[in-house]
Amino acid sequence: MANTETSKDRYLAERQHMIALKITHIKQFMNRLLAGEDFDSFLLEEASISTYNTFTIDGRQNRAFYSTEEWEDKEIRPYDFSTWKTVRPICFDLIKGRHTPAAFHFVLHLNPDYKTSILQKEECAVTPEQVKAFVLNIKYDGAGLTLVTGTAFHTFLMDKTPDVLWDKAVRKFLYNKEIAYEDLT
């Protein structure tokens, strides 16, 4: 399996600040993404799905939909973006069918509740408040499926430790879920 970590992989992982991974078993990955709960710890920033039409979903919650009380109630609306769990069935309905989609692109953010656990993996001077989002881009172009990690900060930081920790966390997540990939970085 391509997920086997070598000393070279560890060396590279410690120096890279964004990784690109090619999913080797697309059907298995899609089943886990759309039919399973494996990615339910993420929020959806945006989705674009090209089938017979191109469908675009803005994951930001719509202020006009909620009353003032609902908008401010963290039980009803705990995040600015919709959870992947909520939007996943809609995306599944758009993708399923006899034809493979022409393309799709999902921008997911790790649930903010997990930022602290990512940053505590090693000594990290960056606080959870400084990290805007740990991002996972999922892109299918009709031929292959790639994942690209990213970290968004509220302000510019010289410390790239959160990027490295996020990259490691994504690799570990994929390994634990038995999702095979090839490292493109």
N, C-alpha and C. Protein backbone atom coordinates (compact mmCIF):
# COMPACT_ATOMS: atom_id res chain seq x y z
N MET A 1 0.85 -1.18 0.00
CA MET A 1 0.00 0.00 0.00
C MET A 1 0.89 1.24 0.00
N ALA A 2 0.52 2.25 -0.69
CA ALA A 2 1.35 3.43 -0.86
C ALA A 2 1.48 4.26 0.42
N ASN A 3 0.68 3.98 1.46
CA ASN A 3 0.68 4.78 2.67
C ASN A 3 1.84 4.42 3.61
N THR A 4 2.65 3.44 3.31
CA THR A 4 3.72 3.03 4.19
C THR A 4 4.74 4.14 4.31
N GLU A 5 4.94 4.60 5.54
CA GLU A 5 5.83 5.73 5.77
C GLU A 5 7.28 5.25 5.86
N THR A 6 8.16 5.89 5.12
CA THR A 6 9.58 5.59 5.17
C THR A 6 10.29 6.74 5.84
N SER A 7 11.59 6.56 6.10
CA SER A 7 12.36 7.66 6.71
C SER A 7 12.41 8.86 5.75
N LYS A 8 12.44 8.61 4.44
CA LYS A 8 12.42 9.70 3.47
C LYS A 8 11.10 10.47 3.57
N ASP A 9 9.97 9.73 3.70
CA ASP A 9 8.67 10.37 3.85
C ASP A 9 8.64 11.25 5.10
N ARG A 10 9.17 10.74 6.20
CA ARG A 10 9.18 11.52 7.44
C ARG A 10 10.04 12.76 7.27
N TYR A 11 11.20 12.62 6.60
CA TYR A 11 12.09 13.75 6.36
C TYR A 11 11.38 14.83 5.54
N LEU A 12 10.72 14.41 4.46
CA LEU A 12 10.02 15.36 3.61
C LEU A 12 8.83 15.98 4.33
N ALA A 13 8.10 15.17 5.08
CA ALA A 13 6.92 15.67 5.78
C ALA A 13 7.27 16.76 6.79
N GLU A 14 8.45 16.66 7.37
CA GLU A 14 8.86 17.65 8.36
C GLU A 14 9.22 18.99 7.72
N ARG A 15 9.42 19.02 6.42
CA ARG A 15 9.85 20.25 5.76
C ARG A 15 8.81 20.85 4.82
N GLN A 16 7.77 20.12 4.53
CA GLN A 16 6.76 20.63 3.61
C GLN A 16 5.65 21.33 4.36
N HIS A 17 5.05 22.31 3.71
CA HIS A 17 4.02 23.09 4.36
C HIS A 17 2.67 22.95 3.67
N MET A 18 2.61 22.11 2.69
CA MET A 18 1.36 21.79 2.00
C MET A 18 1.67 20.52 1.23
N ILE A 19 0.77 19.58 1.28
CA ILE A 19 1.00 18.34 0.56
C ILE A 19 -0.09 18.10 -0.47
N ALA A 20 0.27 17.39 -1.51
CA ALA A 20 -0.68 16.96 -2.53
C ALA A 20 -0.61 15.44 -2.58
N LEU A 21 -1.77 14.81 -2.47
CA LEU A 21 -1.85 13.36 -2.45
C LEU A 21 -2.82 12.89 -3.53
N LYS A 22 -2.41 11.89 -4.29
CA LYS A 22 -3.27 11.31 -5.33
C LYS A 22 -3.93 10.07 -4.74
N ILE A 23 -5.25 10.06 -4.75
CA ILE A 23 -6.00 8.90 -4.25
C ILE A 23 -5.90 7.79 -5.29
N THR A 24 -5.50 6.60 -4.85
CA THR A 24 -5.28 5.51 -5.81
C THR A 24 -6.53 4.64 -6.02
N HIS A 25 -7.45 4.63 -5.08
CA HIS A 25 -8.69 3.88 -5.22
C HIS A 25 -9.86 4.86 -5.09
N ILE A 26 -10.20 5.47 -6.21
CA ILE A 26 -11.17 6.56 -6.22
C ILE A 26 -12.55 6.10 -5.74
N LYS A 27 -13.01 4.95 -6.20
CA LYS A 27 -14.34 4.47 -5.84
C LYS A 27 -14.45 4.26 -4.32
N GLN A 28 -13.44 3.66 -3.73
CA GLN A 28 -13.43 3.44 -2.28
C GLN A 28 -13.44 4.79 -1.54
N PHE A 29 -12.62 5.73 -2.01
CA PHE A 29 -12.57 7.04 -1.38
C PHE A 29 -13.93 7.73 -1.46
N MET A 30 -14.54 7.70 -2.63
CA MET A 30 -15.83 8.36 -2.82
C MET A 30 -16.91 7.75 -1.93
N ASN A 31 -16.85 6.45 -1.76
CA ASN A 31 -17.80 5.79 -0.88
C ASN A 31 -17.63 6.29 0.55
N ARG A 32 -16.40 6.43 0.99
CA ARG A 32 -16.13 6.92 2.35
C ARG A 32 -16.51 8.40 2.48
N LEU A 33 -16.27 9.18 1.44
CA LEU A 33 -16.56 10.61 1.48
C LEU A 33 -18.07 10.88 1.46
N LEU A 34 -18.79 10.19 0.57
CA LEU A 34 -20.20 10.52 0.34
C LEU A 34 -21.20 9.61 1.05
N ALA A 35 -20.84 8.36 1.29
CA ALA A 35 -21.80 7.42 1.89
C ALA A 35 -21.45 7.08 3.34
N GLY A 36 -20.22 7.36 3.74
CA GLY A 36 -19.81 7.04 5.09
C GLY A 36 -19.70 8.28 5.96
N GLU A 37 -19.30 8.06 7.19
CA GLU A 37 -19.18 9.15 8.16
C GLU A 37 -17.73 9.59 8.38
N ASP A 38 -16.81 9.07 7.59
CA ASP A 38 -15.39 9.32 7.80
C ASP A 38 -15.00 10.79 7.78
N PHE A 39 -15.69 11.59 7.01
CA PHE A 39 -15.33 13.01 6.86
C PHE A 39 -16.30 13.94 7.60
N ASP A 40 -17.11 13.39 8.47
CA ASP A 40 -18.11 14.19 9.17
C ASP A 40 -17.52 15.14 10.21
N SER A 41 -16.22 15.06 10.45
CA SER A 41 -15.56 16.01 11.36
C SER A 41 -15.10 17.27 10.61
N PHE A 42 -15.61 17.45 9.39
CA PHE A 42 -15.25 18.61 8.58
C PHE A 42 -16.46 19.51 8.36
N LEU A 43 -16.16 20.74 8.01
CA LEU A 43 -17.17 21.71 7.59
C LEU A 43 -16.95 21.96 6.09
N LEU A 44 -18.00 22.34 5.39
CA LEU A 44 -17.89 22.61 3.96
C LEU A 44 -17.80 24.11 3.72
N GLU A 45 -16.68 24.54 3.12
CA GLU A 45 -16.57 25.94 2.71
C GLU A 45 -17.26 26.13 1.36
N GLU A 46 -16.93 25.24 0.43
CA GLU A 46 -17.58 25.32 -0.88
C GLU A 46 -17.49 23.99 -1.60
N ALA A 47 -18.41 23.81 -2.53
CA ALA A 47 -18.43 22.61 -3.37
C ALA A 47 -18.81 23.02 -4.78
N SER A 48 -18.19 22.38 -5.73
CA SER A 48 -18.54 22.55 -7.14
C SER A 48 -18.59 21.15 -7.75
N ILE A 49 -19.74 20.80 -8.30
CA ILE A 49 -19.95 19.47 -8.85
C ILE A 49 -20.44 19.63 -10.28
N SER A 50 -19.67 19.08 -11.23
CA SER A 50 -20.03 19.17 -12.65
C SER A 50 -20.53 17.82 -13.13
N THR A 51 -21.82 17.76 -13.37
CA THR A 51 -22.43 16.58 -13.99
C THR A 51 -23.14 17.10 -15.24
N TYR A 52 -24.45 16.92 -15.37
CA TYR A 52 -25.19 17.47 -16.51
C TYR A 52 -25.30 18.98 -16.43
N ASN A 53 -25.10 19.53 -15.24
CA ASN A 53 -24.96 20.96 -14.97
C ASN A 53 -23.82 21.10 -13.98
N THR A 54 -23.37 22.32 -13.77
CA THR A 54 -22.40 22.55 -12.71
C THR A 54 -23.15 23.15 -11.53
N PHE A 55 -23.06 22.46 -10.41
CA PHE A 55 -23.73 22.87 -9.19
C PHE A 55 -22.69 23.44 -8.24
N THR A 56 -22.98 24.59 -7.68
CA THR A 56 -22.07 25.24 -6.74
C THR A 56 -22.79 25.43 -5.42
N ILE A 57 -22.12 25.04 -4.35
CA ILE A 57 -22.68 25.20 -3.01
C ILE A 57 -21.73 26.07 -2.21
N ASP A 58 -22.26 27.14 -1.68
CA ASP A 58 -21.50 27.99 -0.76
C ASP A 58 -21.81 27.46 0.63
N GLY A 59 -20.81 26.98 1.32
CA GLY A 59 -21.00 26.38 2.64
C GLY A 59 -21.26 27.37 3.76
N ARG A 60 -21.08 28.66 3.48
CA ARG A 60 -21.36 29.66 4.52
C ARG A 60 -22.85 29.65 4.84
N GLN A 61 -23.13 29.66 6.12
CA GLN A 61 -24.53 29.67 6.51
C GLN A 61 -25.15 31.02 6.15
N ASN A 62 -26.38 30.98 5.70
CA ASN A 62 -27.08 32.14 5.17
C ASN A 62 -27.79 32.90 6.28
N ARG A 63 -27.30 34.09 6.57
CA ARG A 63 -27.85 34.93 7.64
C ARG A 63 -29.34 35.20 7.45
N ALA A 64 -29.79 35.39 6.24
CA ALA A 64 -31.19 35.73 5.96
C ALA A 64 -32.15 34.58 6.29
N PHE A 65 -31.63 33.37 6.38
CA PHE A 65 -32.47 32.21 6.67
C PHE A 65 -32.85 32.13 8.14
N TYR A 66 -32.03 32.67 9.02
CA TYR A 66 -32.22 32.54 10.46
C TYR A 66 -32.81 33.79 11.09
N SER A 67 -33.55 33.59 12.18
CA SER A 67 -33.97 34.72 12.99
C SER A 67 -32.74 35.21 13.75
N THR A 68 -32.81 36.38 14.34
CA THR A 68 -31.69 36.93 15.11
C THR A 68 -31.32 35.98 16.25
N GLU A 69 -32.31 35.45 16.93
CA GLU A 69 -32.05 34.53 18.04
C GLU A 69 -31.37 33.25 17.56
N GLU A 70 -31.85 32.69 16.46
CA GLU A 70 -31.24 31.47 15.91
C GLU A 70 -29.81 31.74 15.46
N TRP A 71 -29.58 32.87 14.81
CA TRP A 71 -28.25 33.21 14.30
C TRP A 71 -27.22 33.29 15.44
N GLU A 72 -27.64 33.80 16.56
CA GLU A 72 -26.74 33.98 17.70
C GLU A 72 -26.66 32.76 18.61
N ASP A 73 -27.55 31.79 18.43
CA ASP A 73 -27.59 30.60 19.26
C ASP A 73 -26.57 29.57 18.77
N LYS A 74 -25.53 29.35 19.57
CA LYS A 74 -24.45 28.42 19.17
C LYS A 74 -24.89 26.96 19.17
N GLU A 75 -26.03 26.66 19.77
CA GLU A 75 -26.57 25.30 19.69
C GLU A 75 -27.15 25.04 18.29
N ILE A 76 -27.79 26.05 17.74
CA ILE A 76 -28.42 25.92 16.42
C ILE A 76 -27.38 26.10 15.31
N ARG A 77 -26.52 27.09 15.47
CA ARG A 77 -25.56 27.45 14.43
C ARG A 77 -24.17 27.63 15.06
N PRO A 78 -23.51 26.50 15.38
CA PRO A 78 -22.23 26.61 16.08
C PRO A 78 -21.06 27.09 15.22
N TYR A 79 -21.18 27.00 13.90
CA TYR A 79 -20.07 27.34 13.00
C TYR A 79 -20.57 28.27 11.89
N ASP A 80 -19.64 28.95 11.27
CA ASP A 80 -19.98 29.81 10.14
C ASP A 80 -20.30 29.00 8.88
N PHE A 81 -19.70 27.80 8.80
CA PHE A 81 -19.92 26.92 7.65
C PHE A 81 -20.81 25.75 8.06
N SER A 82 -21.51 25.18 7.09
CA SER A 82 -22.33 24.00 7.33
C SER A 82 -21.42 22.79 7.55
N THR A 83 -21.91 21.86 8.34
CA THR A 83 -21.13 20.64 8.54
C THR A 83 -21.20 19.78 7.28
N TRP A 84 -20.12 19.04 7.03
CA TRP A 84 -20.11 18.12 5.90
C TRP A 84 -21.23 17.10 6.06
N LYS A 85 -21.48 16.68 7.28
CA LYS A 85 -22.53 15.70 7.56
C LYS A 85 -23.88 16.18 7.05
N THR A 86 -24.16 17.46 7.17
CA THR A 86 -25.42 18.03 6.74
C THR A 86 -25.52 18.13 5.21
N VAL A 87 -24.42 18.51 4.58
CA VAL A 87 -24.43 18.76 3.13
C VAL A 87 -24.09 17.50 2.33
N ARG A 88 -23.47 16.53 2.97
CA ARG A 88 -23.04 15.30 2.29
C ARG A 88 -24.16 14.63 1.50
N PRO A 89 -25.37 14.45 2.04
CA PRO A 89 -26.43 13.79 1.25
C PRO A 89 -26.80 14.56 -0.03
N ILE A 90 -26.73 15.87 0.03
CA ILE A 90 -27.03 16.69 -1.16
C ILE A 90 -25.96 16.44 -2.23
N CYS A 91 -24.70 16.45 -1.81
CA CYS A 91 -23.60 16.20 -2.76
C CYS A 91 -23.69 14.78 -3.32
N PHE A 92 -24.03 13.84 -2.47
CA PHE A 92 -24.19 12.45 -2.91
C PHE A 92 -25.27 12.35 -3.99
N ASP A 93 -26.41 13.00 -3.75
CA ASP A 93 -27.50 12.98 -4.74
C ASP A 93 -27.08 13.59 -6.08
N LEU A 94 -26.25 14.62 -6.04
CA LEU A 94 -25.79 15.27 -7.27
C LEU A 94 -24.78 14.41 -8.03
N ILE A 95 -24.02 13.59 -7.31
CA ILE A 95 -22.95 12.81 -7.94
C ILE A 95 -23.41 11.42 -8.38
N LYS A 96 -24.31 10.80 -7.61
CA LYS A 96 -24.70 9.42 -7.91
C LYS A 96 -25.40 9.35 -9.26
N GLY A 97 -25.32 8.18 -9.86
CA GLY A 97 -25.98 7.98 -11.14
C GLY A 97 -25.15 7.09 -12.04
N ARG A 98 -25.61 6.94 -13.26
CA ARG A 98 -24.92 6.07 -14.22
C ARG A 98 -23.62 6.65 -14.72
N HIS A 99 -23.52 7.99 -14.75
CA HIS A 99 -22.34 8.65 -15.30
C HIS A 99 -21.43 9.15 -14.18
N THR A 100 -20.16 9.03 -14.44
CA THR A 100 -19.18 9.61 -13.54
C THR A 100 -19.20 11.12 -13.72
N PRO A 101 -19.09 11.89 -12.64
CA PRO A 101 -19.06 13.35 -12.80
C PRO A 101 -17.91 13.78 -13.71
N ALA A 102 -18.10 14.87 -14.41
CA ALA A 102 -17.02 15.42 -15.23
C ALA A 102 -15.91 15.96 -14.32
N ALA A 103 -16.33 16.53 -13.19
CA ALA A 103 -15.37 17.08 -12.23
C ALA A 103 -16.10 17.44 -10.95
N PHE A 104 -15.33 17.57 -9.88
CA PHE A 104 -15.86 18.17 -8.65
C PHE A 104 -14.71 18.71 -7.83
N HIS A 105 -15.05 19.61 -6.94
CA HIS A 105 -14.05 20.21 -6.05
C HIS A 105 -14.76 20.54 -4.74
N PHE A 106 -14.22 20.02 -3.64
CA PHE A 106 -14.74 20.32 -2.31
C PHE A 106 -13.64 21.00 -1.52
N VAL A 107 -13.99 22.05 -0.81
CA VAL A 107 -13.07 22.70 0.12
C VAL A 107 -13.64 22.47 1.51
N LEU A 108 -12.94 21.63 2.27
CA LEU A 108 -13.38 21.28 3.61
C LEU A 108 -12.46 21.92 4.65
N HIS A 109 -13.04 22.28 5.79
CA HIS A 109 -12.27 22.76 6.93
C HIS A 109 -12.44 21.75 8.06
N LEU A 110 -11.37 21.43 8.73
CA LEU A 110 -11.50 20.60 9.91
C LEU A 110 -12.35 21.35 10.93
N ASN A 111 -13.23 20.65 11.59
CA ASN A 111 -14.06 21.26 12.62
C ASN A 111 -13.15 22.02 13.59
N PRO A 112 -13.45 23.29 13.88
CA PRO A 112 -12.59 24.10 14.76
C PRO A 112 -12.37 23.49 16.14
N ASP A 113 -13.28 22.63 16.57
CA ASP A 113 -13.12 21.99 17.88
C ASP A 113 -11.88 21.10 17.94
N TYR A 114 -11.33 20.73 16.79
CA TYR A 114 -10.17 19.84 16.75
C TYR A 114 -8.84 20.58 16.58
N LYS A 115 -8.88 21.90 16.43
CA LYS A 115 -7.63 22.66 16.22
C LYS A 115 -6.64 22.44 17.36
N THR A 116 -7.10 22.48 18.57
CA THR A 116 -6.21 22.33 19.72
C THR A 116 -5.51 20.98 19.70
N SER A 117 -6.25 19.92 19.39
CA SER A 117 -5.63 18.58 19.39
C SER A 117 -4.56 18.46 18.30
N ILE A 118 -4.75 19.13 17.17
CA ILE A 118 -3.73 19.10 16.11
C ILE A 118 -2.48 19.83 16.60
N LEU A 119 -2.66 21.00 17.20
CA LEU A 119 -1.52 21.83 17.62
C LEU A 119 -0.80 21.26 18.83
N GLN A 120 -1.43 20.41 19.59
CA GLN A 120 -0.80 19.84 20.78
C GLN A 120 0.02 18.59 20.48
N LYS A 121 0.04 18.14 19.23
CA LYS A 121 0.79 16.94 18.88
C LYS A 121 2.28 17.10 19.17
N GLU A 122 2.79 18.27 18.97
CA GLU A 122 4.19 18.59 19.25
C GLU A 122 4.20 19.97 19.89
N GLU A 123 5.33 20.36 20.39
CA GLU A 123 5.42 21.71 20.95
C GLU A 123 5.23 22.71 19.81
N CYS A 124 4.21 23.52 19.97
CA CYS A 124 3.87 24.49 18.92
C CYS A 124 3.54 25.81 19.60
N ALA A 125 4.22 26.85 19.19
CA ALA A 125 4.01 28.17 19.78
C ALA A 125 2.74 28.85 19.25
N VAL A 126 2.20 28.33 18.16
CA VAL A 126 1.00 28.90 17.56
C VAL A 126 -0.22 28.43 18.35
N THR A 127 -1.11 29.36 18.65
CA THR A 127 -2.32 29.02 19.41
C THR A 127 -3.48 28.72 18.47
N PRO A 128 -4.48 27.99 18.95
CA PRO A 128 -5.66 27.72 18.11
C PRO A 128 -6.35 28.99 17.61
N GLU A 129 -6.27 30.06 18.39
CA GLU A 129 -6.90 31.32 18.00
C GLU A 129 -6.22 31.95 16.79
N GLN A 130 -4.95 31.63 16.55
CA GLN A 130 -4.22 32.18 15.42
C GLN A 130 -4.51 31.43 14.12
N VAL A 131 -5.02 30.21 14.24
CA VAL A 131 -5.31 29.38 13.07
C VAL A 131 -6.77 29.59 12.68
N LYS A 132 -6.97 30.08 11.49
CA LYS A 132 -8.33 30.29 10.98
C LYS A 132 -8.94 28.95 10.60
N ALA A 133 -8.18 28.09 9.88
CA ALA A 133 -8.72 26.80 9.46
C ALA A 133 -7.61 25.87 8.99
N PHE A 134 -7.82 24.59 9.26
CA PHE A 134 -7.05 23.54 8.62
C PHE A 134 -7.91 23.06 7.45
N VAL A 135 -7.37 23.20 6.24
CA VAL A 135 -8.16 23.03 5.02
C VAL A 135 -7.76 21.75 4.28
N LEU A 136 -8.75 21.08 3.70
CA LEU A 136 -8.51 19.93 2.85
C LEU A 136 -9.28 20.16 1.55
N ASN A 137 -8.52 20.32 0.45
CA ASN A 137 -9.11 20.46 -0.89
C ASN A 137 -9.19 19.08 -1.52
N ILE A 138 -10.36 18.74 -2.02
CA ILE A 138 -10.58 17.45 -2.68
C ILE A 138 -11.00 17.78 -4.11
N LYS A 139 -10.18 17.34 -5.07
CA LYS A 139 -10.45 17.72 -6.46
C LYS A 139 -10.40 16.49 -7.37
N TYR A 140 -11.46 16.34 -8.16
CA TYR A 140 -11.54 15.30 -9.17
C TYR A 140 -11.65 16.00 -10.52
N ASP A 141 -10.79 15.62 -11.48
CA ASP A 141 -10.76 16.30 -12.77
C ASP A 141 -11.23 15.42 -13.93
N GLY A 142 -11.90 14.33 -13.61
CA GLY A 142 -12.37 13.42 -14.65
C GLY A 142 -11.42 12.25 -14.86
N ALA A 143 -10.19 12.40 -14.42
CA ALA A 143 -9.20 11.33 -14.58
C ALA A 143 -8.61 10.89 -13.24
N GLY A 144 -8.40 11.82 -12.33
CA GLY A 144 -7.78 11.50 -11.06
C GLY A 144 -8.33 12.35 -9.94
N LEU A 145 -8.08 11.89 -8.73
CA LEU A 145 -8.58 12.59 -7.56
C LEU A 145 -7.39 12.95 -6.67
N THR A 146 -7.28 14.21 -6.32
CA THR A 146 -6.17 14.66 -5.47
C THR A 146 -6.70 15.37 -4.23
N LEU A 147 -5.90 15.29 -3.19
CA LEU A 147 -6.15 16.01 -1.96
C LEU A 147 -4.99 16.97 -1.77
N VAL A 148 -5.28 18.19 -1.40
CA VAL A 148 -4.24 19.18 -1.12
C VAL A 148 -4.57 19.80 0.23
N THR A 149 -3.59 19.81 1.11
CA THR A 149 -3.79 20.40 2.43
C THR A 149 -3.44 21.88 2.39
N GLY A 150 -3.92 22.59 3.38
CA GLY A 150 -3.59 23.99 3.53
C GLY A 150 -3.94 24.44 4.93
N THR A 151 -3.33 25.51 5.34
CA THR A 151 -3.63 26.10 6.65
C THR A 151 -3.87 27.58 6.44
N ALA A 152 -4.96 28.07 6.97
CA ALA A 152 -5.28 29.49 6.89
C ALA A 152 -5.10 30.10 8.27
N PHE A 153 -4.43 31.24 8.30
CA PHE A 153 -4.17 31.94 9.55
C PHE A 153 -4.90 33.28 9.55
N HIS A 154 -5.15 33.78 10.73
CA HIS A 154 -5.79 35.09 10.84
C HIS A 154 -4.82 36.21 10.50
N THR A 155 -3.53 35.96 10.63
CA THR A 155 -2.49 36.93 10.31
C THR A 155 -1.26 36.16 9.83
N PHE A 156 -0.34 36.82 9.19
CA PHE A 156 0.87 36.15 8.70
C PHE A 156 1.70 35.64 9.87
N LEU A 157 2.15 34.39 9.75
CA LEU A 157 3.02 33.79 10.77
C LEU A 157 4.24 33.19 10.10
N MET A 158 5.38 33.36 10.72
CA MET A 158 6.61 32.74 10.21
C MET A 158 6.65 31.25 10.57
N ASP A 159 6.04 30.89 11.67
CA ASP A 159 6.07 29.52 12.17
C ASP A 159 5.20 28.63 11.29
N LYS A 160 5.80 27.64 10.67
CA LYS A 160 5.08 26.73 9.78
C LYS A 160 4.73 25.41 10.46
N THR A 161 4.95 25.34 11.76
CA THR A 161 4.65 24.12 12.50
C THR A 161 3.20 23.66 12.33
N PRO A 162 2.20 24.56 12.39
CA PRO A 162 0.82 24.09 12.18
C PRO A 162 0.61 23.42 10.82
N ASP A 163 1.27 23.93 9.79
CA ASP A 163 1.16 23.30 8.45
C ASP A 163 1.68 21.87 8.49
N VAL A 164 2.83 21.70 9.10
CA VAL A 164 3.45 20.38 9.18
C VAL A 164 2.59 19.43 10.00
N LEU A 165 2.06 19.92 11.11
CA LEU A 165 1.21 19.08 11.96
C LEU A 165 -0.08 18.69 11.23
N TRP A 166 -0.66 19.61 10.47
CA TRP A 166 -1.86 19.31 9.70
C TRP A 166 -1.56 18.28 8.62
N ASP A 167 -0.45 18.43 7.93
CA ASP A 167 -0.06 17.46 6.90
C ASP A 167 0.08 16.06 7.51
N LYS A 168 0.71 15.98 8.65
CA LYS A 168 0.87 14.69 9.34
C LYS A 168 -0.48 14.13 9.75
N ALA A 169 -1.35 14.99 10.24
CA ALA A 169 -2.67 14.54 10.68
C ALA A 169 -3.48 13.98 9.51
N VAL A 170 -3.38 14.62 8.35
CA VAL A 170 -4.12 14.14 7.17
C VAL A 170 -3.59 12.78 6.74
N ARG A 171 -2.28 12.64 6.69
CA ARG A 171 -1.70 11.34 6.33
C ARG A 171 -2.14 10.25 7.31
N LYS A 172 -2.11 10.57 8.59
CA LYS A 172 -2.53 9.60 9.61
C LYS A 172 -4.01 9.27 9.47
N PHE A 173 -4.84 10.27 9.21
CA PHE A 173 -6.27 10.07 9.00
C PHE A 173 -6.50 9.10 7.84
N LEU A 174 -5.84 9.34 6.73
CA LEU A 174 -6.00 8.47 5.56
C LEU A 174 -5.51 7.05 5.86
N TYR A 175 -4.39 6.96 6.55
CA TYR A 175 -3.85 5.65 6.91
C TYR A 175 -4.84 4.90 7.82
N ASN A 176 -5.36 5.57 8.83
CA ASN A 176 -6.30 4.94 9.76
C ASN A 176 -7.60 4.53 9.08
N LYS A 177 -8.01 5.26 8.06
CA LYS A 177 -9.24 4.94 7.32
C LYS A 177 -8.96 3.97 6.17
N GLU A 178 -7.69 3.55 6.04
CA GLU A 178 -7.26 2.63 4.98
C GLU A 178 -7.57 3.17 3.59
N ILE A 179 -7.29 4.46 3.42
CA ILE A 179 -7.46 5.12 2.13
C ILE A 179 -6.08 5.24 1.50
N ALA A 180 -5.89 4.55 0.39
CA ALA A 180 -4.59 4.50 -0.27
C ALA A 180 -4.34 5.76 -1.09
N TYR A 181 -3.08 6.20 -1.08
CA TYR A 181 -2.72 7.40 -1.81
C TYR A 181 -1.25 7.33 -2.24
N GLU A 182 -0.92 8.18 -3.19
CA GLU A 182 0.47 8.39 -3.59
C GLU A 182 0.80 9.85 -3.28
N ASP A 183 1.98 10.06 -2.75
CA ASP A 183 2.40 11.42 -2.41
C ASP A 183 2.91 12.09 -3.68
N LEU A 184 2.35 13.24 -4.02
CA LEU A 184 2.75 13.98 -5.20
C LEU A 184 3.75 15.09 -4.88
N THR A 185 4.01 15.34 -3.61
CA THR A 185 4.91 16.43 -3.22
C THR A 185 6.32 15.96 -3.03
